[in-house]
PDB file of N, CA and C in Angstrom:
ATOM      1  N   MET A   1       0.791  -1.226  -0.011  1.00  0.00           N
ATOM      2  CA  MET A   1      -0.006  -0.034  -0.019  1.00  0.00           C
ATOM      3  C   MET A   1       0.878   1.354  -0.020  1.00  0.00           C
ATOM      4  N   GLN A   2       0.371   2.249  -0.686  1.00  0.00           N
ATOM      5  CA  GLN A   2       1.071   3.464  -0.786  1.00  0.00           C
ATOM      6  C   GLN A   2       0.284   4.582  -0.274  1.00  0.00           C
ATOM      7  N   LEU A   3       0.891   5.511   0.573  1.00  0.00           N
ATOM      8  CA  LEU A   3       0.201   6.603   1.291  1.00  0.00           C
ATOM      9  C   LEU A   3       0.694   7.850   0.539  1.00  0.00           C
ATOM     10  N   LEU A   4      -0.451   8.668  -0.054  1.00  0.00           N
ATOM     11  CA  LEU A   4      -0.260   9.941  -0.738  1.00  0.00           C
ATOM     12  C   LEU A   4      -0.696  10.996   0.095  1.00  0.00           C
ATOM     13  N   LYS A   5      -0.072  12.203  -0.156  1.00  0.00           N
ATOM     14  CA  LYS A   5      -0.515  13.428   0.585  1.00  0.00           C
ATOM     15  C   LYS A   5      -0.729  14.398  -0.549  1.00  0.00           C
ATOM     16  N   PHE A   6      -2.121  15.085  -0.383  1.00  0.00           N
ATOM     17  CA  PHE A   6      -2.419  16.096  -1.304  1.00  0.00           C
ATOM     18  C   PHE A   6      -2.736  17.407  -0.432  1.00  0.00           C
ATOM     19  N   THR A   7      -2.334  18.565  -0.978  1.00  0.00           N
ATOM     20  CA  THR A   7      -2.565  19.769  -0.086  1.00  0.00           C
ATOM     21  C   THR A   7      -3.426  20.682  -1.044  1.00  0.00           C
ATOM     22  N   ILE A   8      -4.523  21.212  -0.508  1.00  0.00           N
ATOM     23  CA  ILE A   8      -5.369  22.140  -1.038  1.00  0.00           C
ATOM     24  C   ILE A   8      -5.069  23.475  -0.541  1.00  0.00           C
ATOM     25  N   ASN A   9      -4.602  24.466  -1.252  1.00  0.00           N
ATOM     26  CA  ASN A   9      -4.153  25.793  -0.868  1.00  0.00           C
ATOM     27  C   ASN A   9      -5.147  26.781  -0.867  1.00  0.00           C
ATOM     28  N   LYS A  10      -4.774  27.888  -0.438  1.00  0.00           N
ATOM     29  CA  LYS A  10      -5.618  29.308  -0.602  1.00  0.00           C
ATOM     30  C   LYS A  10      -6.072  29.463  -1.927  1.00  0.00           C
ATOM     31  N   GLY A  11      -7.343  29.712  -2.211  1.00  0.00           N
ATOM     32  CA  GLY A  11      -7.760  30.138  -3.518  1.00  0.00           C
ATOM     33  C   GLY A  11      -8.202  28.901  -4.356  1.00  0.00           C
ATOM     34  N   GLU A  12      -8.046  27.603  -3.752  1.00  0.00           N
ATOM     35  CA  GLU A  12      -8.393  26.392  -4.470  1.00  0.00           C
ATOM     36  C   GLU A  12      -9.741  25.781  -4.046  1.00  0.00           C
ATOM     37  N   GLU A  13     -10.340  25.192  -5.085  1.00  0.00           N
ATOM     38  CA  GLU A  13     -11.582  24.458  -4.608  1.00  0.00           C
ATOM     39  C   GLU A  13     -11.182  22.922  -4.529  1.00  0.00           C
ATOM     40  N   MET A  14     -11.513  22.379  -3.345  1.00  0.00           N
ATOM     41  CA  MET A  14     -11.083  21.032  -3.020  1.00  0.00           C
ATOM     42  C   MET A  14     -11.415  19.936  -3.911  1.00  0.00           C
ATOM     43  N   ILE A  15     -12.625  19.789  -4.229  1.00  0.00           N
ATOM     44  CA  ILE A  15     -12.994  18.617  -5.143  1.00  0.00           C
ATOM     45  C   ILE A  15     -12.363  18.637  -6.435  1.00  0.00           C
ATOM     46  N   ASP A  16     -12.455  19.747  -7.152  1.00  0.00           N
ATOM     47  CA  ASP A  16     -11.754  20.141  -8.379  1.00  0.00           C
ATOM     48  C   ASP A  16     -10.254  19.741  -8.316  1.00  0.00           C
ATOM     49  N   VAL A  17      -9.514  20.274  -7.300  1.00  0.00           N
ATOM     50  CA  VAL A  17      -8.241  20.054  -7.256  1.00  0.00           C
ATOM     51  C   VAL A  17      -7.804  18.579  -7.021  1.00  0.00           C
ATOM     52  N   LEU A  18      -8.600  17.830  -6.239  1.00  0.00           N
ATOM     53  CA  LEU A  18      -8.354  16.421  -6.008  1.00  0.00           C
ATOM     54  C   LEU A  18      -8.732  15.555  -7.239  1.00  0.00           C
ATOM     55  N   ALA A  19      -9.686  15.878  -8.078  1.00  0.00           N
ATOM     56  CA  ALA A  19      -9.904  15.208  -9.266  1.00  0.00           C
ATOM     57  C   ALA A  19      -8.785  15.399 -10.134  1.00  0.00           C
ATOM     58  N   LYS A  20      -8.339  16.579 -10.399  1.00  0.00           N
ATOM     59  CA  LYS A  20      -7.306  16.684 -11.292  1.00  0.00           C
ATOM     60  C   LYS A  20      -5.999  16.117 -10.880  1.00  0.00           C
ATOM     61  N   LYS A  21      -5.691  16.148  -9.496  1.00  0.00           N
ATOM     62  CA  LYS A  21      -4.425  15.424  -9.034  1.00  0.00           C
ATOM     63  C   LYS A  21      -4.660  13.942  -9.170  1.00  0.00           C
ATOM     64  N   PHE A  22      -5.853  13.345  -8.913  1.00  0.00           N
ATOM     65  CA  PHE A  22      -6.028  11.888  -9.179  1.00  0.00           C
ATOM     66  C   PHE A  22      -5.931  11.674 -10.593  1.00  0.00           C
ATOM     67  N   ALA A  23      -6.374  12.349 -11.523  1.00  0.00           N
ATOM     68  CA  ALA A  23      -6.167  12.129 -12.921  1.00  0.00           C
ATOM     69  C   ALA A  23      -4.814  12.071 -13.277  1.00  0.00           C
ATOM     70  N   GLU A  24      -3.952  13.108 -12.822  1.00  0.00           N
ATOM     71  CA  GLU A  24      -2.655  13.305 -13.179  1.00  0.00           C
ATOM     72  C   GLU A  24      -1.898  11.904 -12.701  1.00  0.00           C
ATOM     73  N   GLN A  25      -2.281  11.316 -11.672  1.00  0.00           N
ATOM     74  CA  GLN A  25      -1.559  10.163 -11.120  1.00  0.00           C
ATOM     75  C   GLN A  25      -2.279   8.803 -11.677  1.00  0.00           C
ATOM     76  N   ASN A  26      -3.321   9.035 -12.369  1.00  0.00           N
ATOM     77  CA  ASN A  26      -4.061   7.817 -12.992  1.00  0.00           C
ATOM     78  C   ASN A  26      -4.624   7.043 -11.791  1.00  0.00           C
ATOM     79  N   LEU A  27      -5.224   7.668 -10.718  1.00  0.00           N
ATOM     80  CA  LEU A  27      -5.751   7.086  -9.576  1.00  0.00           C
ATOM     81  C   LEU A  27      -7.252   6.778  -9.864  1.00  0.00           C
ATOM     82  N   LYS A  28      -7.745   5.669  -9.982  1.00  0.00           N
ATOM     83  CA  LYS A  28      -9.115   5.158 -10.184  1.00  0.00           C
ATOM     84  C   LYS A  28      -9.851   4.857  -8.951  1.00  0.00           C
ATOM     85  N   SER A  29      -9.077   4.319  -7.849  1.00  0.00           N
ATOM     86  CA  SER A  29      -9.740   3.836  -6.740  1.00  0.00           C
ATOM     87  C   SER A  29      -8.701   3.963  -5.556  1.00  0.00           C
ATOM     88  N   GLY A  30      -9.176   4.174  -4.418  1.00  0.00           N
ATOM     89  CA  GLY A  30      -8.432   4.220  -3.167  1.00  0.00           C
ATOM     90  C   GLY A  30      -9.224   4.790  -1.940  1.00  0.00           C
ATOM     91  N   ALA A  31      -8.577   4.726  -0.750  1.00  0.00           N
ATOM     92  CA  ALA A  31      -9.245   5.050   0.321  1.00  0.00           C
ATOM     93  C   ALA A  31      -8.683   6.544   0.802  1.00  0.00           C
ATOM     94  N   ILE A  32      -9.626   7.571   0.964  1.00  0.00           N
ATOM     95  CA  ILE A  32      -9.354   8.771   1.388  1.00  0.00           C
ATOM     96  C   ILE A  32      -9.350   8.700   3.007  1.00  0.00           C
ATOM     97  N   ILE A  33      -8.250   8.504   3.605  1.00  0.00           N
ATOM     98  CA  ILE A  33      -8.261   8.024   4.972  1.00  0.00           C
ATOM     99  C   ILE A  33      -8.236   9.343   6.024  1.00  0.00           C
ATOM    100  N   SER A  34      -7.872  10.413   5.350  1.00  0.00           N
ATOM    101  CA  SER A  34      -7.925  11.675   6.366  1.00  0.00           C
ATOM    102  C   SER A  34      -8.138  12.994   5.438  1.00  0.00           C
ATOM    103  N   VAL A  35      -8.985  13.731   5.995  1.00  0.00           N
ATOM    104  CA  VAL A  35      -9.184  15.092   5.378  1.00  0.00           C
ATOM    105  C   VAL A  35      -9.154  15.950   6.592  1.00  0.00           C
ATOM    106  N   VAL A  36      -8.236  16.939   6.676  1.00  0.00           N
ATOM    107  CA  VAL A  36      -8.257  17.832   7.694  1.00  0.00           C
ATOM    108  C   VAL A  36      -7.797  19.233   7.288  1.00  0.00           C
ATOM    109  N   GLY A  37      -8.417  20.218   8.002  1.00  0.00           N
ATOM    110  CA  GLY A  37      -8.057  21.609   7.626  1.00  0.00           C
ATOM    111  C   GLY A  37      -9.107  22.565   7.827  1.00  0.00           C
ATOM    112  N   ALA A  38      -9.225  23.618   7.001  1.00  0.00           N
ATOM    113  CA  ALA A  38     -10.152  24.657   7.147  1.00  0.00           C
ATOM    114  C   ALA A  38     -10.463  25.152   5.761  1.00  0.00           C
ATOM    115  N   ILE A  39     -11.923  25.400   5.694  1.00  0.00           N
ATOM    116  CA  ILE A  39     -12.391  25.955   4.344  1.00  0.00           C
ATOM    117  C   ILE A  39     -13.205  27.278   4.748  1.00  0.00           C
ATOM    118  N   ASP A  40     -13.746  27.888   3.547  1.00  0.00           N
ATOM    119  CA  ASP A  40     -14.544  29.184   3.946  1.00  0.00           C
ATOM    120  C   ASP A  40     -15.773  29.112   3.235  1.00  0.00           C
ATOM    121  N   TYR A  41     -16.035  28.150   2.379  1.00  0.00           N
ATOM    122  CA  TYR A  41     -17.301  27.931   1.835  1.00  0.00           C
ATOM    123  C   TYR A  41     -17.447  26.546   1.271  1.00  0.00           C
ATOM    124  N   CYS A  42     -18.645  26.041   1.488  1.00  0.00           N
ATOM    125  CA  CYS A  42     -18.893  24.588   1.050  1.00  0.00           C
ATOM    126  C   CYS A  42     -20.368  24.265   0.745  1.00  0.00           C
ATOM    127  N   ARG A  43     -20.618  23.238   0.072  1.00  0.00           N
ATOM    128  CA  ARG A  43     -21.947  22.806  -0.239  1.00  0.00           C
ATOM    129  C   ARG A  43     -22.086  21.389   0.200  1.00  0.00           C
ATOM    130  N   ILE A  44     -22.854  20.788   0.983  1.00  0.00           N
ATOM    131  CA  ILE A  44     -22.970  19.398   1.405  1.00  0.00           C
ATOM    132  C   ILE A  44     -24.491  18.963   1.070  1.00  0.00           C
ATOM    133  N   SER A  45     -24.537  17.738   1.212  1.00  0.00           N
ATOM    134  CA  SER A  45     -25.958  17.195   1.144  1.00  0.00           C
ATOM    135  C   SER A  45     -26.125  15.996   2.232  1.00  0.00           C
ATOM    136  N   THR A  46     -27.353  15.992   2.756  1.00  0.00           N
ATOM    137  CA  THR A  46     -27.769  14.701   3.574  1.00  0.00           C
ATOM    138  C   THR A  46     -29.048  14.214   2.947  1.00  0.00           C
ATOM    139  N   MET A  47     -29.267  13.097   3.407  1.00  0.00           N
ATOM    140  CA  MET A  47     -30.465  12.266   2.858  1.00  0.00           C
ATOM    141  C   MET A  47     -31.700  12.708   3.680  1.00  0.00           C
ATOM    142  N   ALA A  48     -32.796  12.430   3.050  1.00  0.00           N
ATOM    143  CA  ALA A  48     -34.276  12.744   3.628  1.00  0.00           C
ATOM    144  C   ALA A  48     -34.387  11.346   4.508  1.00  0.00           C
ATOM    145  N   LYS A  49     -34.973  11.603   5.614  1.00  0.00           N
ATOM    146  CA  LYS A  49     -35.154  10.276   6.451  1.00  0.00           C
ATOM    147  C   LYS A  49     -36.204   9.434   5.994  1.00  0.00           C
ATOM    148  N   ASP A  50     -37.019   9.801   5.192  1.00  0.00           N
ATOM    149  CA  ASP A  50     -37.966   8.866   4.591  1.00  0.00           C
ATOM    150  C   ASP A  50     -37.848   8.384   3.135  1.00  0.00           C
ATOM    151  N   ASP A  51     -36.592   9.003   2.591  1.00  0.00           N
ATOM    152  CA  ASP A  51     -36.278   8.666   1.093  1.00  0.00           C
ATOM    153  C   ASP A  51     -34.759   8.813   0.939  1.00  0.00           C
ATOM    154  N   PRO A  52     -33.956   7.697   1.161  1.00  0.00           N
ATOM    155  CA  PRO A  52     -32.463   7.819   1.186  1.00  0.00           C
ATOM    156  C   PRO A  52     -32.016   8.355  -0.356  1.00  0.00           C
ATOM    157  N   MET A  53     -32.998   8.389  -1.287  1.00  0.00           N
ATOM    158  CA  MET A  53     -32.556   8.845  -2.754  1.00  0.00           C
ATOM    159  C   MET A  53     -32.812  10.207  -2.959  1.00  0.00           C
ATOM    160  N   GLU A  54     -33.266  10.882  -1.909  1.00  0.00           N
ATOM    161  CA  GLU A  54     -33.625  12.342  -2.019  1.00  0.00           C
ATOM    162  C   GLU A  54     -32.479  13.044  -1.161  1.00  0.00           C
ATOM    163  N   ASP A  55     -31.754  14.079  -1.740  1.00  0.00           N
ATOM    164  CA  ASP A  55     -30.769  14.804  -1.098  1.00  0.00           C
ATOM    165  C   ASP A  55     -31.268  16.197  -0.789  1.00  0.00           C
ATOM    166  N   PHE A  56     -30.848  16.599   0.513  1.00  0.00           N
ATOM    167  CA  PHE A  56     -31.018  18.073   0.899  1.00  0.00           C
ATOM    168  C   PHE A  56     -29.708  18.671   0.849  1.00  0.00           C
ATOM    169  N   PHE A  57     -29.644  19.735   0.130  1.00  0.00           N
ATOM    170  CA  PHE A  57     -28.411  20.609   0.036  1.00  0.00           C
ATOM    171  C   PHE A  57     -28.399  21.584   1.063  1.00  0.00           C
ATOM    172  N   THR A  58     -27.215  21.895   1.592  1.00  0.00           N
ATOM    173  CA  THR A  58     -26.970  23.098   2.344  1.00  0.00           C
ATOM    174  C   THR A  58     -25.609  23.701   2.103  1.00  0.00           C
ATOM    175  N   GLU A  59     -25.595  25.064   2.097  1.00  0.00           N
ATOM    176  CA  GLU A  59     -24.486  25.823   1.798  1.00  0.00           C
ATOM    177  C   GLU A  59     -24.016  26.580   2.882  1.00  0.00           C
ATOM    178  N   TYR A  60     -22.652  26.651   3.118  1.00  0.00           N
ATOM    179  CA  TYR A  60     -22.072  27.272   4.260  1.00  0.00           C
ATOM    180  C   TYR A  60     -21.091  28.305   3.743  1.00  0.00           C
ATOM    181  N   SER A  61     -21.321  29.566   4.096  1.00  0.00           N
ATOM    182  CA  SER A  61     -20.212  30.592   3.711  1.00  0.00           C
ATOM    183  C   SER A  61     -19.663  31.260   5.026  1.00  0.00           C
ATOM    184  N   GLU A  62     -18.862  30.491   5.642  1.00  0.00           N
ATOM    185  CA  GLU A  62     -18.132  31.157   6.799  1.00  0.00           C
ATOM    186  C   GLU A  62     -16.844  30.240   7.037  1.00  0.00           C
ATOM    187  N   PRO A  63     -15.934  30.548   7.868  1.00  0.00           N
ATOM    188  CA  PRO A  63     -14.752  29.759   8.144  1.00  0.00           C
ATOM    189  C   PRO A  63     -15.264  28.473   9.061  1.00  0.00           C
ATOM    190  N   LEU A  64     -14.842  27.350   8.439  1.00  0.00           N
ATOM    191  CA  LEU A  64     -15.177  26.025   9.023  1.00  0.00           C
ATOM    192  C   LEU A  64     -13.985  25.160   9.100  1.00  0.00           C
ATOM    193  N   GLU A  65     -13.918  24.552  10.258  1.00  0.00           N
ATOM    194  CA  GLU A  65     -12.790  23.369  10.416  1.00  0.00           C
ATOM    195  C   GLU A  65     -13.492  22.325   9.804  1.00  0.00           C
ATOM    196  N   ILE A  66     -12.631  21.460   9.192  1.00  0.00           N
ATOM    197  CA  ILE A  66     -13.134  20.127   8.599  1.00  0.00           C
ATOM    198  C   ILE A  66     -12.391  18.936   8.865  1.00  0.00           C
ATOM    199  N   ASN A  67     -12.973  17.963   9.101  1.00  0.00           N
ATOM    200  CA  ASN A  67     -12.241  16.559   8.959  1.00  0.00           C
ATOM    201  C   ASN A  67     -13.214  15.552   8.356  1.00  0.00           C
ATOM    202  N   GLY A  68     -12.753  14.633   7.528  1.00  0.00           N
ATOM    203  CA  GLY A  68     -13.438  13.742   6.895  1.00  0.00           C
ATOM    204  C   GLY A  68     -12.720  12.463   6.287  1.00  0.00           C
ATOM    205  N   VAL A  69     -13.534  11.545   5.719  1.00  0.00           N
ATOM    206  CA  VAL A  69     -12.993  10.368   5.026  1.00  0.00           C
ATOM    207  C   VAL A  69     -13.607  10.240   3.772  1.00  0.00           C
ATOM    208  N   GLY A  70     -13.192   9.275   2.978  1.00  0.00           N
ATOM    209  CA  GLY A  70     -13.984   8.947   1.849  1.00  0.00           C
ATOM    210  C   GLY A  70     -13.235   7.765   0.785  1.00  0.00           C
ATOM    211  N   GLU A  71     -13.501   8.067  -0.381  1.00  0.00           N
ATOM    212  CA  GLU A  71     -12.918   7.099  -1.380  1.00  0.00           C
ATOM    213  C   GLU A  71     -12.687   7.806  -2.752  1.00  0.00           C
ATOM    214  N   ILE A  72     -11.737   7.046  -3.411  1.00  0.00           N
ATOM    215  CA  ILE A  72     -11.737   7.631  -4.903  1.00  0.00           C
ATOM    216  C   ILE A  72     -12.522   6.532  -5.605  1.00  0.00           C
ATOM    217  N   ARG A  73     -13.414   6.871  -6.362  1.00  0.00           N
ATOM    218  CA  ARG A  73     -14.471   6.230  -6.951  1.00  0.00           C
ATOM    219  C   ARG A  73     -14.520   6.524  -8.481  1.00  0.00           C
ATOM    220  N   GLU A  74     -14.021   5.755  -9.293  1.00  0.00           N
ATOM    221  CA  GLU A  74     -13.824   5.830 -10.845  1.00  0.00           C
ATOM    222  C   GLU A  74     -13.186   7.272 -10.960  1.00  0.00           C
ATOM    223  N   GLY A  75     -12.158   7.335 -10.355  1.00  0.00           N
ATOM    224  CA  GLY A  75     -11.202   8.533 -10.465  1.00  0.00           C
ATOM    225  C   GLY A  75     -11.810   9.750  -9.765  1.00  0.00           C
ATOM    226  N   LYS A  76     -12.784   9.855  -9.094  1.00  0.00           N
ATOM    227  CA  LYS A  76     -13.365  11.113  -8.587  1.00  0.00           C
ATOM    228  C   LYS A  76     -13.446  10.856  -7.007  1.00  0.00           C
ATOM    229  N   PRO A  77     -13.095  11.915  -6.337  1.00  0.00           N
ATOM    230  CA  PRO A  77     -13.370  12.115  -4.836  1.00  0.00           C
ATOM    231  C   PRO A  77     -14.729  11.941  -4.386  1.00  0.00           C
ATOM    232  N   HIS A  78     -14.967  11.008  -3.315  1.00  0.00           N
ATOM    233  CA  HIS A  78     -16.187  10.896  -2.807  1.00  0.00           C
ATOM    234  C   HIS A  78     -15.983  11.067  -1.202  1.00  0.00           C
ATOM    235  N   ILE A  79     -16.408  12.121  -0.598  1.00  0.00           N
ATOM    236  CA  ILE A  79     -15.909  12.647   0.604  1.00  0.00           C
ATOM    237  C   ILE A  79     -17.120  12.814   1.457  1.00  0.00           C
ATOM    238  N   HIS A  80     -17.124  12.305   2.676  1.00  0.00           N
ATOM    239  CA  HIS A  80     -18.096  12.804   3.766  1.00  0.00           C
ATOM    240  C   HIS A  80     -17.329  13.533   4.753  1.00  0.00           C
ATOM    241  N   ILE A  81     -17.822  14.699   5.184  1.00  0.00           N
ATOM    242  CA  ILE A  81     -17.178  15.603   6.222  1.00  0.00           C
ATOM    243  C   ILE A  81     -18.002  15.879   7.336  1.00  0.00           C
ATOM    244  N   ASN A  82     -17.131  16.397   8.428  1.00  0.00           N
ATOM    245  CA  ASN A  82     -17.675  16.960   9.578  1.00  0.00           C
ATOM    246  C   ASN A  82     -17.150  18.377   9.532  1.00  0.00           C
ATOM    247  N   LEU A  83     -18.229  19.317   9.775  1.00  0.00           N
ATOM    248  CA  LEU A  83     -17.802  20.811   9.830  1.00  0.00           C
ATOM    249  C   LEU A  83     -17.881  21.272  11.399  1.00  0.00           C
ATOM    250  N   GLY A  84     -16.829  21.950  11.691  1.00  0.00           N
ATOM    251  CA  GLY A  84     -16.855  22.750  12.991  1.00  0.00           C
ATOM    252  C   GLY A  84     -17.196  24.136  12.854  1.00  0.00           C
ATOM    253  N   ARG A  85     -18.337  24.484  13.367  1.00  0.00           N
ATOM    254  CA  ARG A  85     -18.581  25.982  13.131  1.00  0.00           C
ATOM    255  C   ARG A  85     -18.371  26.742  14.388  1.00  0.00           C
ATOM    256  N   GLU A  86     -18.665  28.070  14.304  1.00  0.00           N
ATOM    257  CA  GLU A  86     -18.560  28.922  15.348  1.00  0.00           C
ATOM    258  C   GLU A  86     -19.429  28.357  16.728  1.00  0.00           C
ATOM    259  N   ASN A  87     -18.965  28.759  17.835  1.00  0.00           N
ATOM    260  CA  ASN A  87     -19.551  28.431  19.047  1.00  0.00           C
ATOM    261  C   ASN A  87     -19.827  26.765  19.405  1.00  0.00           C
ATOM    262  N   GLY A  88     -18.938  26.014  18.459  1.00  0.00           N
ATOM    263  CA  GLY A  88     -18.995  24.455  18.849  1.00  0.00           C
ATOM    264  C   GLY A  88     -20.095  23.877  17.985  1.00  0.00           C
ATOM    265  N   GLN A  89     -20.791  24.582  17.134  1.00  0.00           N
ATOM    266  CA  GLN A  89     -21.907  23.830  16.340  1.00  0.00           C
ATOM    267  C   GLN A  89     -21.159  22.997  15.313  1.00  0.00           C
ATOM    268  N   THR A  90     -21.867  21.960  14.986  1.00  0.00           N
ATOM    269  CA  THR A  90     -21.076  21.040  13.893  1.00  0.00           C
ATOM    270  C   THR A  90     -22.341  20.703  12.768  1.00  0.00           C
ATOM    271  N   ALA A  91     -21.836  20.294  11.705  1.00  0.00           N
ATOM    272  CA  ALA A  91     -22.657  19.882  10.589  1.00  0.00           C
ATOM    273  C   ALA A  91     -21.770  18.734   9.870  1.00  0.00           C
ATOM    274  N   SER A  92     -22.683  17.780   9.124  1.00  0.00           N
ATOM    275  CA  SER A  92     -21.934  16.740   8.422  1.00  0.00           C
ATOM    276  C   SER A  92     -22.658  16.435   7.252  1.00  0.00           C
ATOM    277  N   GLY A  93     -22.134  15.848   6.229  1.00  0.00           N
ATOM    278  CA  GLY A  93     -22.687  15.419   5.033  1.00  0.00           C
ATOM    279  C   GLY A  93     -21.705  15.055   3.984  1.00  0.00           C
ATOM    280  N   HIS A  94     -22.336  14.699   2.851  1.00  0.00           N
ATOM    281  CA  HIS A  94     -21.510  14.423   1.558  1.00  0.00           C
ATOM    282  C   HIS A  94     -21.098  15.634   1.071  1.00  0.00           C
ATOM    283  N   LEU A  95     -19.728  15.797   0.695  1.00  0.00           N
ATOM    284  CA  LEU A  95     -19.206  17.140   0.320  1.00  0.00           C
ATOM    285  C   LEU A  95     -19.270  17.311  -1.277  1.00  0.00           C
ATOM    286  N   HIS A  96     -19.905  18.333  -1.746  1.00  0.00           N
ATOM    287  CA  HIS A  96     -20.008  18.500  -3.234  1.00  0.00           C
ATOM    288  C   HIS A  96     -19.033  19.594  -3.735  1.00  0.00           C
ATOM    289  N   TYR A  97     -18.619  20.548  -2.772  1.00  0.00           N
ATOM    290  CA  TYR A  97     -17.785  21.703  -3.059  1.00  0.00           C
ATOM    291  C   TYR A  97     -17.262  22.314  -1.950  1.00  0.00           C
ATOM    292  N   ALA A  98     -15.938  22.705  -1.956  1.00  0.00           N
ATOM    293  CA  ALA A  98     -15.397  23.275  -0.764  1.00  0.00           C
ATOM    294  C   ALA A  98     -14.244  24.255  -1.146  1.00  0.00           C
ATOM    295  N   LYS A  99     -14.268  25.525  -0.910  1.00  0.00           N
ATOM    296  CA  LYS A  99     -13.554  26.514  -1.331  1.00  0.00           C
ATOM    297  C   LYS A  99     -12.534  26.895  -0.151  1.00  0.00           C
ATOM    298  N   VAL A 100     -11.339  26.885  -0.444  1.00  0.00           N
ATOM    299  CA  VAL A 100     -10.181  27.234   0.552  1.00  0.00           C
ATOM    300  C   VAL A 100      -9.882  28.767   0.317  1.00  0.00           C
ATOM    301  N   GLU A 101      -9.958  29.505   1.400  1.00  0.00           N
ATOM    302  CA  GLU A 101      -9.488  30.975   1.171  1.00  0.00           C
ATOM    303  C   GLU A 101      -8.631  31.353   2.277  1.00  0.00           C
ATOM    304  N   SER A 102      -8.721  30.907   3.551  1.00  0.00           N
ATOM    305  CA  SER A 102      -7.947  31.416   4.603  1.00  0.00           C
ATOM    306  C   SER A 102      -6.623  30.578   5.125  1.00  0.00           C
ATOM    307  N   TRP A 103      -7.037  29.304   5.032  1.00  0.00           N
ATOM    308  CA  TRP A 103      -5.978  28.265   5.442  1.00  0.00           C
ATOM    309  C   TRP A 103      -5.594  27.220   4.531  1.00  0.00           C
ATOM    310  N   TYR A 104      -5.699  25.982   4.507  1.00  0.00           N
ATOM    311  CA  TYR A 104      -5.279  24.915   3.737  1.00  0.00           C
ATOM    312  C   TYR A 104      -6.160  23.805   4.196  1.00  0.00           C
ATOM    313  N   VAL A 105      -6.180  22.646   3.424  1.00  0.00           N
ATOM    314  CA  VAL A 105      -6.608  21.255   3.787  1.00  0.00           C
ATOM    315  C   VAL A 105      -5.543  20.267   3.268  1.00  0.00           C
ATOM    316  N   THR A 106      -5.436  19.195   4.101  1.00  0.00           N
ATOM    317  CA  THR A 106      -4.346  18.153   3.745  1.00  0.00           C
ATOM    318  C   THR A 106      -5.251  16.922   3.703  1.00  0.00           C
ATOM    319  N   VAL A 107      -5.028  16.127   2.629  1.00  0.00           N
ATOM    320  CA  VAL A 107      -5.841  14.924   2.342  1.00  0.00           C
ATOM    321  C   VAL A 107      -4.892  13.782   2.092  1.00  0.00           C
ATOM    322  N   PHE A 108      -4.908  12.718   2.872  1.00  0.00           N
ATOM    323  CA  PHE A 108      -4.165  11.469   2.799  1.00  0.00           C
ATOM    324  C   PHE A 108      -5.065  10.518   2.172  1.00  0.00           C
ATOM    325  N   VAL A 109      -4.394   9.853   1.136  1.00  0.00           N
ATOM    326  CA  VAL A 109      -5.000   8.774   0.452  1.00  0.00           C
ATOM    327  C   VAL A 109      -4.132   7.532   0.393  1.00  0.00           C
ATOM    328  N   ALA A 110      -4.686   6.374   0.573  1.00  0.00           N
ATOM    329  CA  ALA A 110      -4.074   5.018   0.502  1.00  0.00           C
ATOM    330  C   ALA A 110      -4.553   4.276  -0.592  1.00  0.00           C
ATOM    331  N   VAL A 111      -3.492   3.913  -1.615  1.00  0.00           N
ATOM    332  CA  VAL A 111      -3.804   3.260  -2.836  1.00  0.00           C
ATOM    333  C   VAL A 111      -3.055   2.020  -2.904  1.00  0.00           C
ATOM    334  N   GLY A 112      -3.403   1.188  -3.832  1.00  0.00           N
ATOM    335  CA  GLY A 112      -2.679  -0.105  -4.266  1.00  0.00           C
ATOM    336  C   GLY A 112      -2.440  -1.211  -3.086  1.00  0.00           C
ATOM    337  N   SER A 113      -1.553  -1.944  -3.546  1.00  0.00           N
ATOM    338  CA  SER A 113      -1.206  -3.151  -2.690  1.00  0.00           C
ATOM    339  C   SER A 113       0.317  -3.211  -2.667  1.00  0.00           C
TER     340      SER A 113
END
């Protein structure tokens, strides 16, 4: 197994950067074992309690601490995150978009055998 480290820097969008880096390295599958850092804007989704096929989308435009895990699926990042908000509030869900403006995000990926 190989452990890879990716950094998303100020001014970058996390999902787009990861997809490009995965494509550059021809990564089609793998385990995203750690996502840690801070973002300034994101869009996440959660499932409806009565219909798991229905998504509810929420956007946050504020500084957020993040941690998460996921997978590389068909070359694309599939990430579930926890968001730390002001005053200890939290939110979580499937990550669709995350913009880094103030800090950075580090992503560790395990691939291969």
